[in-house]
Amino acid sequence: MNFTVEQIAEEALSLPSEARALLADRLVESLDPLEDGYIRQLWAAEARARRDDVRSGAIKTIPGPEALERVRKSVER
């Protein structure tokens, strides 16, 4: 029995949230490990750039509770 990607996606989207999350994790884990290493390198470079921006004063940080409050307010809109 052959299914199209669209049929599989439609079935997957009908699953409960927890099952969809598990499926998403398994799909990501199945990706090419070489590609995963490249993506990790990109994220590491991004993290270093953000760290450097904070250290240099190019950007200012805010306390976690304040950040969460801002997110909550933006979601309520």
PDB file of N, CA and C in Angstrom:
ATOM      1  N   MET A   1       0.844  -1.165   0.000  1.00  0.00           N
ATOM      2  CA  MET A   1       0.000   0.000   0.000  1.00  0.00           C
ATOM      3  C   MET A   1       0.900   1.242   0.000  1.00  0.00           C
ATOM      4  N   ASN A   2       0.758   2.099  -1.003  1.00  0.00           N
ATOM      5  CA  ASN A   2       1.559   3.314  -1.107  1.00  0.00           C
ATOM      6  C   ASN A   2       0.720   4.532  -0.740  1.00  0.00           C
ATOM      7  N   PHE A   3       1.303   5.378   0.074  1.00  0.00           N
ATOM      8  CA  PHE A   3       0.640   6.611   0.471  1.00  0.00           C
ATOM      9  C   PHE A   3       1.436   7.795  -0.046  1.00  0.00           C
ATOM     10  N   THR A   4       0.758   8.872  -0.373  1.00  0.00           N
ATOM     11  CA  THR A   4       1.452  10.088  -0.754  1.00  0.00           C
ATOM     12  C   THR A   4       1.868  10.832   0.518  1.00  0.00           C
ATOM     13  N   VAL A   5       2.804  11.736   0.372  1.00  0.00           N
ATOM     14  CA  VAL A   5       3.233  12.540   1.513  1.00  0.00           C
ATOM     15  C   VAL A   5       2.047  13.314   2.064  1.00  0.00           C
ATOM     16  N   GLU A   6       1.195  13.789   1.190  1.00  0.00           N
ATOM     17  CA  GLU A   6       0.018  14.555   1.633  1.00  0.00           C
ATOM     18  C   GLU A   6      -0.927  13.681   2.459  1.00  0.00           C
ATOM     19  N   GLN A   7      -1.128  12.448   2.049  1.00  0.00           N
ATOM     20  CA  GLN A   7      -1.986  11.535   2.814  1.00  0.00           C
ATOM     21  C   GLN A   7      -1.382  11.241   4.190  1.00  0.00           C
ATOM     22  N   ILE A   8      -0.084  11.028   4.218  1.00  0.00           N
ATOM     23  CA  ILE A   8       0.587  10.761   5.495  1.00  0.00           C
ATOM     24  C   ILE A   8       0.483  11.982   6.399  1.00  0.00           C
ATOM     25  N   ALA A   9       0.708  13.164   5.844  1.00  0.00           N
ATOM     26  CA  ALA A   9       0.623  14.394   6.629  1.00  0.00           C
ATOM     27  C   ALA A   9      -0.782  14.584   7.181  1.00  0.00           C
ATOM     28  N   GLU A  10      -1.781  14.335   6.366  1.00  0.00           N
ATOM     29  CA  GLU A  10      -3.171  14.482   6.809  1.00  0.00           C
ATOM     30  C   GLU A  10      -3.471  13.549   7.979  1.00  0.00           C
ATOM     31  N   GLU A  11      -3.009  12.307   7.874  1.00  0.00           N
ATOM     32  CA  GLU A  11      -3.208  11.355   8.965  1.00  0.00           C
ATOM     33  C   GLU A  11      -2.444  11.795  10.212  1.00  0.00           C
ATOM     34  N   ALA A  12      -1.213  12.230  10.017  1.00  0.00           N
ATOM     35  CA  ALA A  12      -0.387  12.641  11.153  1.00  0.00           C
ATOM     36  C   ALA A  12      -1.005  13.835  11.876  1.00  0.00           C
ATOM     37  N   LEU A  13      -1.553  14.766  11.137  1.00  0.00           N
ATOM     38  CA  LEU A  13      -2.159  15.955  11.741  1.00  0.00           C
ATOM     39  C   LEU A  13      -3.415  15.626  12.537  1.00  0.00           C
ATOM     40  N   SER A  14      -3.983  14.465  12.305  1.00  0.00           N
ATOM     41  CA  SER A  14      -5.176  14.080  13.057  1.00  0.00           C
ATOM     42  C   SER A  14      -4.819  13.416  14.395  1.00  0.00           C
ATOM     43  N   LEU A  15      -3.540  13.168  14.614  1.00  0.00           N
ATOM     44  CA  LEU A  15      -3.091  12.555  15.869  1.00  0.00           C
ATOM     45  C   LEU A  15      -3.159  13.563  17.018  1.00  0.00           C
ATOM     46  N   PRO A  16      -3.221  13.085  18.241  1.00  0.00           N
ATOM     47  CA  PRO A  16      -3.149  13.992  19.399  1.00  0.00           C
ATOM     48  C   PRO A  16      -1.784  14.694  19.435  1.00  0.00           C
ATOM     49  N   SER A  17      -1.724  15.828  20.101  1.00  0.00           N
ATOM     50  CA  SER A  17      -0.505  16.640  20.151  1.00  0.00           C
ATOM     51  C   SER A  17       0.724  15.848  20.563  1.00  0.00           C
ATOM     52  N   GLU A  18       0.602  15.054  21.609  1.00  0.00           N
ATOM     53  CA  GLU A  18       1.756  14.300  22.104  1.00  0.00           C
ATOM     54  C   GLU A  18       2.273  13.329  21.052  1.00  0.00           C
ATOM     55  N   ALA A  19       1.378  12.676  20.348  1.00  0.00           N
ATOM     56  CA  ALA A  19       1.784  11.732  19.307  1.00  0.00           C
ATOM     57  C   ALA A  19       2.438  12.462  18.142  1.00  0.00           C
ATOM     58  N   ARG A  20       1.917  13.639  17.787  1.00  0.00           N
ATOM     59  CA  ARG A  20       2.528  14.431  16.703  1.00  0.00           C
ATOM     60  C   ARG A  20       3.933  14.855  17.086  1.00  0.00           C
ATOM     61  N   ALA A  21       4.131  15.261  18.350  1.00  0.00           N
ATOM     62  CA  ALA A  21       5.461  15.666  18.813  1.00  0.00           C
ATOM     63  C   ALA A  21       6.433  14.496  18.740  1.00  0.00           C
ATOM     64  N   LEU A  22       5.997  13.324  19.163  1.00  0.00           N
ATOM     65  CA  LEU A  22       6.842  12.131  19.100  1.00  0.00           C
ATOM     66  C   LEU A  22       7.200  11.808  17.652  1.00  0.00           C
ATOM     67  N   LEU A  23       6.214  11.889  16.773  1.00  0.00           N
ATOM     68  CA  LEU A  23       6.463  11.629  15.354  1.00  0.00           C
ATOM     69  C   LEU A  23       7.456  12.638  14.781  1.00  0.00           C
ATOM     70  N   ALA A  24       7.280  13.904  15.124  1.00  0.00           N
ATOM     71  CA  ALA A  24       8.192  14.944  14.641  1.00  0.00           C
ATOM     72  C   ALA A  24       9.620  14.668  15.112  1.00  0.00           C
ATOM     73  N   ASP A  25       9.766  14.280  16.375  1.00  0.00           N
ATOM     74  CA  ASP A  25      11.096  13.948  16.898  1.00  0.00           C
ATOM     75  C   ASP A  25      11.722  12.802  16.130  1.00  0.00           C
ATOM     76  N   ARG A  26      10.935  11.781  15.867  1.00  0.00           N
ATOM     77  CA  ARG A  26      11.475  10.617  15.147  1.00  0.00           C
ATOM     78  C   ARG A  26      11.859  10.972  13.722  1.00  0.00           C
ATOM     79  N   LEU A  27      11.076  11.832  13.089  1.00  0.00           N
ATOM     80  CA  LEU A  27      11.419  12.249  11.729  1.00  0.00           C
ATOM     81  C   LEU A  27      12.707  13.070  11.709  1.00  0.00           C
ATOM     82  N   VAL A  28      12.850  13.976  12.649  1.00  0.00           N
ATOM     83  CA  VAL A  28      14.068  14.792  12.717  1.00  0.00           C
ATOM     84  C   VAL A  28      15.282  13.908  12.975  1.00  0.00           C
ATOM     85  N   GLU A  29      15.133  12.949  13.869  1.00  0.00           N
ATOM     86  CA  GLU A  29      16.239  12.041  14.177  1.00  0.00           C
ATOM     87  C   GLU A  29      16.652  11.212  12.963  1.00  0.00           C
ATOM     88  N   SER A  30      15.746  11.020  12.028  1.00  0.00           N
ATOM     89  CA  SER A  30      16.046  10.202  10.855  1.00  0.00           C
ATOM     90  C   SER A  30      16.791  10.964   9.766  1.00  0.00           C
ATOM     91  N   LEU A  31      16.957  12.261   9.934  1.00  0.00           N
ATOM     92  CA  LEU A  31      17.637  13.060   8.925  1.00  0.00           C
ATOM     93  C   LEU A  31      19.122  12.727   8.869  1.00  0.00           C
ATOM     94  N   ASP A  32      19.732  13.086   7.784  1.00  0.00           N
ATOM     95  CA  ASP A  32      21.147  12.829   7.549  1.00  0.00           C
ATOM     96  C   ASP A  32      21.998  13.429   8.672  1.00  0.00           C
ATOM     97  N   PRO A  33      22.786  12.591   9.360  1.00  0.00           N
ATOM     98  CA  PRO A  33      23.601  13.113  10.463  1.00  0.00           C
ATOM     99  C   PRO A  33      24.626  14.149  10.013  1.00  0.00           C
ATOM    100  N   LEU A  34      25.104  14.068   8.776  1.00  0.00           N
ATOM    101  CA  LEU A  34      26.045  15.077   8.287  1.00  0.00           C
ATOM    102  C   LEU A  34      25.369  16.428   8.207  1.00  0.00           C
ATOM    103  N   GLU A  35      24.133  16.425   7.752  1.00  0.00           N
ATOM    104  CA  GLU A  35      23.376  17.671   7.683  1.00  0.00           C
ATOM    105  C   GLU A  35      23.114  18.201   9.093  1.00  0.00           C
ATOM    106  N   ASP A  36      22.851  17.305  10.025  1.00  0.00           N
ATOM    107  CA  ASP A  36      22.613  17.698  11.409  1.00  0.00           C
ATOM    108  C   ASP A  36      23.850  18.388  11.982  1.00  0.00           C
ATOM    109  N   GLY A  37      25.028  17.863  11.684  1.00  0.00           N
ATOM    110  CA  GLY A  37      26.266  18.485  12.149  1.00  0.00           C
ATOM    111  C   GLY A  37      26.430  19.885  11.600  1.00  0.00           C
ATOM    112  N   TYR A  38      26.084  20.072  10.344  1.00  0.00           N
ATOM    113  CA  TYR A  38      26.169  21.399   9.722  1.00  0.00           C
ATOM    114  C   TYR A  38      25.206  22.363  10.399  1.00  0.00           C
ATOM    115  N   ILE A  39      23.992  21.906  10.680  1.00  0.00           N
ATOM    116  CA  ILE A  39      22.995  22.747  11.347  1.00  0.00           C
ATOM    117  C   ILE A  39      23.480  23.111  12.744  1.00  0.00           C
ATOM    118  N   ARG A  40      24.078  22.163  13.451  1.00  0.00           N
ATOM    119  CA  ARG A  40      24.630  22.445  14.782  1.00  0.00           C
ATOM    120  C   ARG A  40      25.722  23.508  14.709  1.00  0.00           C
ATOM    121  N   GLN A  41      26.555  23.439  13.671  1.00  0.00           N
ATOM    122  CA  GLN A  41      27.609  24.445  13.493  1.00  0.00           C
ATOM    123  C   GLN A  41      27.001  25.831  13.273  1.00  0.00           C
ATOM    124  N   LEU A  42      25.943  25.890  12.476  1.00  0.00           N
ATOM    125  CA  LEU A  42      25.279  27.176  12.232  1.00  0.00           C
ATOM    126  C   LEU A  42      24.703  27.746  13.514  1.00  0.00           C
ATOM    127  N   TRP A  43      24.047  26.901  14.322  1.00  0.00           N
ATOM    128  CA  TRP A  43      23.480  27.372  15.585  1.00  0.00           C
ATOM    129  C   TRP A  43      24.567  27.803  16.551  1.00  0.00           C
ATOM    130  N   ALA A  44      25.687  27.084  16.581  1.00  0.00           N
ATOM    131  CA  ALA A  44      26.795  27.459  17.459  1.00  0.00           C
ATOM    132  C   ALA A  44      27.345  28.823  17.053  1.00  0.00           C
ATOM    133  N   ALA A  45      27.477  29.057  15.764  1.00  0.00           N
ATOM    134  CA  ALA A  45      27.952  30.359  15.279  1.00  0.00           C
ATOM    135  C   ALA A  45      26.969  31.460  15.657  1.00  0.00           C
ATOM    136  N   GLU A  46      25.674  31.178  15.538  1.00  0.00           N
ATOM    137  CA  GLU A  46      24.645  32.159  15.912  1.00  0.00           C
ATOM    138  C   GLU A  46      24.722  32.460  17.408  1.00  0.00           C
ATOM    139  N   ALA A  47      24.899  31.421  18.214  1.00  0.00           N
ATOM    140  CA  ALA A  47      24.996  31.612  19.672  1.00  0.00           C
ATOM    141  C   ALA A  47      26.208  32.465  20.023  1.00  0.00           C
ATOM    142  N   ARG A  48      27.350  32.214  19.364  1.00  0.00           N
ATOM    143  CA  ARG A  48      28.544  33.020  19.635  1.00  0.00           C
ATOM    144  C   ARG A  48      28.325  34.475  19.234  1.00  0.00           C
ATOM    145  N   ALA A  49      27.672  34.686  18.087  1.00  0.00           N
ATOM    146  CA  ALA A  49      27.417  36.057  17.630  1.00  0.00           C
ATOM    147  C   ALA A  49      26.507  36.793  18.615  1.00  0.00           C
ATOM    148  N   ARG A  50      25.487  36.110  19.116  1.00  0.00           N
ATOM    149  CA  ARG A  50      24.588  36.735  20.100  1.00  0.00           C
ATOM    150  C   ARG A  50      25.328  37.027  21.396  1.00  0.00           C
ATOM    151  N   ARG A  51      26.147  36.074  21.837  1.00  0.00           N
ATOM    152  CA  ARG A  51      26.952  36.297  23.047  1.00  0.00           C
ATOM    153  C   ARG A  51      27.856  37.515  22.878  1.00  0.00           C
ATOM    154  N   ASP A  52      28.504  37.601  21.729  1.00  0.00           N
ATOM    155  CA  ASP A  52      29.401  38.726  21.477  1.00  0.00           C
ATOM    156  C   ASP A  52      28.642  40.048  21.457  1.00  0.00           C
ATOM    157  N   ASP A  53      27.426  40.056  20.903  1.00  0.00           N
ATOM    158  CA  ASP A  53      26.605  41.272  20.893  1.00  0.00           C
ATOM    159  C   ASP A  53      26.265  41.720  22.309  1.00  0.00           C
ATOM    160  N   VAL A  54      25.975  40.768  23.177  1.00  0.00           N
ATOM    161  CA  VAL A  54      25.666  41.106  24.567  1.00  0.00           C
ATOM    162  C   VAL A  54      26.913  41.637  25.255  1.00  0.00           C
ATOM    163  N   ARG A  55      28.016  40.951  25.084  1.00  0.00           N
ATOM    164  CA  ARG A  55      29.262  41.363  25.742  1.00  0.00           C
ATOM    165  C   ARG A  55      29.732  42.734  25.288  1.00  0.00           C
ATOM    166  N   SER A  56      29.543  43.041  24.025  1.00  0.00           N
ATOM    167  CA  SER A  56      30.003  44.329  23.495  1.00  0.00           C
ATOM    168  C   SER A  56      29.042  45.463  23.819  1.00  0.00           C
ATOM    169  N   GLY A  57      27.857  45.125  24.297  1.00  0.00           N
ATOM    170  CA  GLY A  57      26.862  46.151  24.597  1.00  0.00           C
ATOM    171  C   GLY A  57      26.016  46.535  23.391  1.00  0.00           C
ATOM    172  N   ALA A  58      26.185  45.823  22.279  1.00  0.00           N
ATOM    173  CA  ALA A  58      25.400  46.122  21.078  1.00  0.00           C
ATOM    174  C   ALA A  58      23.918  45.866  21.316  1.00  0.00           C
ATOM    175  N   ILE A  59      23.619  44.917  22.189  1.00  0.00           N
ATOM    176  CA  ILE A  59      22.241  44.666  22.591  1.00  0.00           C
ATOM    177  C   ILE A  59      22.185  44.554  24.103  1.00  0.00           C
ATOM    178  N   LYS A  60      21.041  44.858  24.667  1.00  0.00           N
ATOM    179  CA  LYS A  60      20.866  44.763  26.104  1.00  0.00           C
ATOM    180  C   LYS A  60      19.939  43.596  26.411  1.00  0.00           C
ATOM    181  N   THR A  61      20.255  42.916  27.480  1.00  0.00           N
ATOM    182  CA  THR A  61      19.402  41.815  27.909  1.00  0.00           C
ATOM    183  C   THR A  61      18.328  42.342  28.855  1.00  0.00           C
ATOM    184  N   ILE A  62      17.308  41.528  29.027  1.00  0.00           N
ATOM    185  CA  ILE A  62      16.262  41.860  29.998  1.00  0.00           C
ATOM    186  C   ILE A  62      16.060  40.637  30.885  1.00  0.00           C
ATOM    187  N   PRO A  63      15.603  40.851  32.115  1.00  0.00           N
ATOM    188  CA  PRO A  63      15.377  39.707  33.007  1.00  0.00           C
ATOM    189  C   PRO A  63      14.337  38.739  32.426  1.00  0.00           C
ATOM    190  N   GLY A  64      14.511  37.464  32.728  1.00  0.00           N
ATOM    191  CA  GLY A  64      13.610  36.427  32.229  1.00  0.00           C
ATOM    192  C   GLY A  64      12.137  36.702  32.496  1.00  0.00           C
ATOM    193  N   PRO A  65      11.757  37.058  33.746  1.00  0.00           N
ATOM    194  CA  PRO A  65      10.333  37.310  34.015  1.00  0.00           C
ATOM    195  C   PRO A  65       9.758  38.434  33.138  1.00  0.00           C
ATOM    196  N   GLU A  66      10.570  39.451  32.895  1.00  0.00           N
ATOM    197  CA  GLU A  66      10.103  40.548  32.039  1.00  0.00           C
ATOM    198  C   GLU A  66       9.915  40.060  30.598  1.00  0.00           C
ATOM    199  N   ALA A  67      10.847  39.243  30.136  1.00  0.00           N
ATOM    200  CA  ALA A  67      10.738  38.690  28.778  1.00  0.00           C
ATOM    201  C   ALA A  67       9.478  37.848  28.641  1.00  0.00           C
ATOM    202  N   LEU A  68       9.217  37.004  29.644  1.00  0.00           N
ATOM    203  CA  LEU A  68       8.018  36.161  29.597  1.00  0.00           C
ATOM    204  C   LEU A  68       6.748  37.003  29.621  1.00  0.00           C
ATOM    205  N   GLU A  69       6.746  38.061  30.406  1.00  0.00           N
ATOM    206  CA  GLU A  69       5.583  38.945  30.452  1.00  0.00           C
ATOM    207  C   GLU A  69       5.338  39.591  29.090  1.00  0.00           C
ATOM    208  N   ARG A  70       6.403  40.013  28.430  1.00  0.00           N
ATOM    209  CA  ARG A  70       6.266  40.599  27.084  1.00  0.00           C
ATOM    210  C   ARG A  70       5.674  39.593  26.104  1.00  0.00           C
ATOM    211  N   VAL A  71       6.142  38.341  26.198  1.00  0.00           N
ATOM    212  CA  VAL A  71       5.624  37.299  25.307  1.00  0.00           C
ATOM    213  C   VAL A  71       4.143  37.074  25.588  1.00  0.00           C
ATOM    214  N   ARG A  72       3.789  36.982  26.861  1.00  0.00           N
ATOM    215  CA  ARG A  72       2.371  36.771  27.216  1.00  0.00           C
ATOM    216  C   ARG A  72       1.502  37.887  26.660  1.00  0.00           C
ATOM    217  N   LYS A  73       1.952  39.123  26.805  1.00  0.00           N
ATOM    218  CA  LYS A  73       1.172  40.267  26.311  1.00  0.00           C
ATOM    219  C   LYS A  73       1.040  40.223  24.787  1.00  0.00           C
ATOM    220  N   SER A  74       2.106  39.827  24.104  1.00  0.00           N
ATOM    221  CA  SER A  74       2.044  39.800  22.645  1.00  0.00           C
ATOM    222  C   SER A  74       1.113  38.691  22.137  1.00  0.00           C
ATOM    223  N   VAL A  75       1.014  37.607  22.901  1.00  0.00           N
ATOM    224  CA  VAL A  75       0.134  36.497  22.521  1.00  0.00           C
ATOM    225  C   VAL A  75      -1.320  36.846  22.779  1.00  0.00           C
ATOM    226  N   GLU A  76      -1.579  37.660  23.785  1.00  0.00           N
ATOM    227  CA  GLU A  76      -2.955  38.026  24.137  1.00  0.00           C
ATOM    228  C   GLU A  76      -3.606  38.920  23.085  1.00  0.00           C
ATOM    229  N   ARG A  77      -2.819  39.567  22.291  1.00  0.00           N
ATOM    230  CA  ARG A  77      -3.363  40.520  21.302  1.00  0.00           C
ATOM    231  C   ARG A  77      -4.232  39.864  20.284  1.00  0.00           C
TER     232      ARG A  77
END
